[in-house]
Amino acid sequence: MNNNGPWWKPAMQIFSEVSTWIAVPIIVALIAGKALDRHYGTQPVIFLIFAGLGFLVTCFGMYRVVKNYMKKIQPPESPLSGGQGSSSLDKGRTEEGLNQK
């Protein structure tokens, strides 16, 4: 083990954040939608609207979490690439003489 804790800690952190974004908005939306439907007598209308909004909030939250973690695990740009944003495919093509720039 290293100083940052057990090897599975980052995986559990990602799992807990994504699980929270899946469960909480949908559960809150469904409970609120059912309560408002009961109060206003508009049986499944508000419930369905809130269910859809909960789904959209869930998608947005999961997108943000995954985007943030993708930034963290993105490898740094190689100093050999010349800083011009060339991909490893271009590099291989250049070595083979296939990429004429």
Foldseek 3Di string as FASTA:
>chain_A
DDPVDDPCVVVVVLVVQLVCLLPVQQVVLQVVQVVVCVVVVVPPPSNVVSNVVSVVSSVVSNVVSVVVVCVVPPDDDDVVVVPPPDDVVVVVCVVVVNDDD
